[in-house]
């Protein structure tokens, strides 16, 4: 399970996918796009990575590639 935080209003959403897929889904759904099959092609270019987080627009999730766990 991955928790996504909307940084503009501090609401949380929970997804059952990778952190990258989760922030893309949260971003896309916030714009009214529920066509999940096209998310990667449409939104993957918007991803930004920090040391332990991934962002898409105002949506952020923690992740860690150095260990086998997700925050």
C-alpha atoms as a PDB file:
ATOM      1  CA  UNK A   1       0.000   0.000   0.000  1.00  0.00           C
ATOM      2  CA  UNK A   2       1.242   3.448  -0.924  1.00  0.00           C
ATOM      3  CA  UNK A   3       0.065   6.694   0.636  1.00  0.00           C
ATOM      4  CA  UNK A   4       0.000   9.753  -1.610  1.00  0.00           C
ATOM      5  CA  UNK A   5      -0.082  13.223  -0.095  1.00  0.00           C
ATOM      6  CA  UNK A   6      -1.634  16.146  -1.955  1.00  0.00           C
ATOM      7  CA  UNK A   7       0.776  18.930  -1.042  1.00  0.00           C
ATOM      8  CA  UNK A   8      -1.712  21.670  -1.915  1.00  0.00           C
ATOM      9  CA  UNK A   9      -4.318  20.647   0.677  1.00  0.00           C
ATOM     10  CA  UNK A  10      -2.594  17.921   2.756  1.00  0.00           C
ATOM     11  CA  UNK A  11      -5.161  15.221   1.975  1.00  0.00           C
ATOM     12  CA  UNK A  12      -4.025  11.604   1.706  1.00  0.00           C
ATOM     13  CA  UNK A  13      -5.018   8.854  -0.702  1.00  0.00           C
ATOM     14  CA  UNK A  14      -3.997   5.178  -0.547  1.00  0.00           C
ATOM     15  CA  UNK A  15      -3.097   3.100  -3.613  1.00  0.00           C
ATOM     16  CA  UNK A  16      -2.039  -0.510  -4.165  1.00  0.00           C
ATOM     17  CA  UNK A  17       0.685   0.023  -6.765  1.00  0.00           C
ATOM     18  CA  UNK A  18       4.182   1.472  -6.974  1.00  0.00           C
ATOM     19  CA  UNK A  19       4.804   4.983  -5.616  1.00  0.00           C
ATOM     20  CA  UNK A  20       5.371   6.239  -9.178  1.00  0.00           C
ATOM     21  CA  UNK A  21       2.098   4.788 -10.416  1.00  0.00           C
ATOM     22  CA  UNK A  22       0.305   6.092  -7.325  1.00  0.00           C
ATOM     23  CA  UNK A  23       1.319   9.741  -7.742  1.00  0.00           C
ATOM     24  CA  UNK A  24       0.505   9.586 -11.453  1.00  0.00           C
ATOM     25  CA  UNK A  25      -2.935   8.128 -10.673  1.00  0.00           C
ATOM     26  CA  UNK A  26      -3.626  10.757  -8.019  1.00  0.00           C
ATOM     27  CA  UNK A  27      -2.597  13.555 -10.375  1.00  0.00           C
ATOM     28  CA  UNK A  28      -4.577  12.198 -13.334  1.00  0.00           C
ATOM     29  CA  UNK A  29      -7.692  11.559 -11.266  1.00  0.00           C
ATOM     30  CA  UNK A  30      -7.515  15.083  -9.835  1.00  0.00           C
ATOM     31  CA  UNK A  31      -7.896  16.344 -13.416  1.00  0.00           C
ATOM     32  CA  UNK A  32     -10.856  14.030 -14.099  1.00  0.00           C
ATOM     33  CA  UNK A  33      -8.855  11.446 -16.075  1.00  0.00           C
ATOM     34  CA  UNK A  34      -9.830   7.917 -15.017  1.00  0.00           C
ATOM     35  CA  UNK A  35      -8.483   6.149 -18.133  1.00  0.00           C
ATOM     36  CA  UNK A  36      -5.796   4.227 -16.249  1.00  0.00           C
ATOM     37  CA  UNK A  37      -4.511   2.405 -19.335  1.00  0.00           C
ATOM     38  CA  UNK A  38      -3.048   5.643 -20.680  1.00  0.00           C
ATOM     39  CA  UNK A  39      -1.552   7.044 -17.469  1.00  0.00           C
ATOM     40  CA  UNK A  40       2.043   5.988 -18.152  1.00  0.00           C
ATOM     41  CA  UNK A  41       2.104   7.446 -21.661  1.00  0.00           C
ATOM     42  CA  UNK A  42       0.361  10.657 -20.624  1.00  0.00           C
ATOM     43  CA  UNK A  43       1.950  11.456 -17.282  1.00  0.00           C
ATOM     44  CA  UNK A  44       5.265   9.637 -16.710  1.00  0.00           C
ATOM     45  CA  UNK A  45       7.160  12.635 -18.127  1.00  0.00           C
ATOM     46  CA  UNK A  46       5.809  14.720 -15.225  1.00  0.00           C
ATOM     47  CA  UNK A  47       7.477  12.590 -12.536  1.00  0.00           C
ATOM     48  CA  UNK A  48      10.153  14.148 -10.353  1.00  0.00           C
ATOM     49  CA  UNK A  49      12.294  12.262  -7.844  1.00  0.00           C
ATOM     50  CA  UNK A  50      13.815  13.326  -4.569  1.00  0.00           C
ATOM     51  CA  UNK A  51      16.063  11.267  -2.320  1.00  0.00           C
ATOM     52  CA  UNK A  52      13.114   9.411  -0.766  1.00  0.00           C
ATOM     53  CA  UNK A  53      10.066  10.739  -2.586  1.00  0.00           C
ATOM     54  CA  UNK A  54       8.475  10.864  -5.998  1.00  0.00           C
ATOM     55  CA  UNK A  55       6.207  13.677  -7.173  1.00  0.00           C
ATOM     56  CA  UNK A  56       3.724  14.326  -9.937  1.00  0.00           C
ATOM     57  CA  UNK A  57       2.288  17.822  -9.805  1.00  0.00           C
ATOM     58  CA  UNK A  58       1.149  18.482  -6.225  1.00  0.00           C
ATOM     59  CA  UNK A  59       1.124  14.767  -5.346  1.00  0.00           C
ATOM     60  CA  UNK A  60       3.963  13.140  -3.430  1.00  0.00           C
ATOM     61  CA  UNK A  61       4.786   9.701  -2.052  1.00  0.00           C
ATOM     62  CA  UNK A  62       7.737   8.300  -0.126  1.00  0.00           C
ATOM     63  CA  UNK A  63       9.847   5.494  -1.540  1.00  0.00           C
ATOM     64  CA  UNK A  64      13.267   4.024  -0.917  1.00  0.00           C
ATOM     65  CA  UNK A  65      15.372   2.222  -3.508  1.00  0.00           C
ATOM     66  CA  UNK A  66      18.182   1.455  -1.069  1.00  0.00           C
ATOM     67  CA  UNK A  67      16.054  -0.994   0.963  1.00  0.00           C
ATOM     68  CA  UNK A  68      13.235  -3.403   0.148  1.00  0.00           C
ATOM     69  CA  UNK A  69      10.483  -1.385   1.760  1.00  0.00           C
ATOM     70  CA  UNK A  70       8.115   1.445   1.015  1.00  0.00           C
ATOM     71  CA  UNK A  71       7.348   4.086   3.622  1.00  0.00           C
END
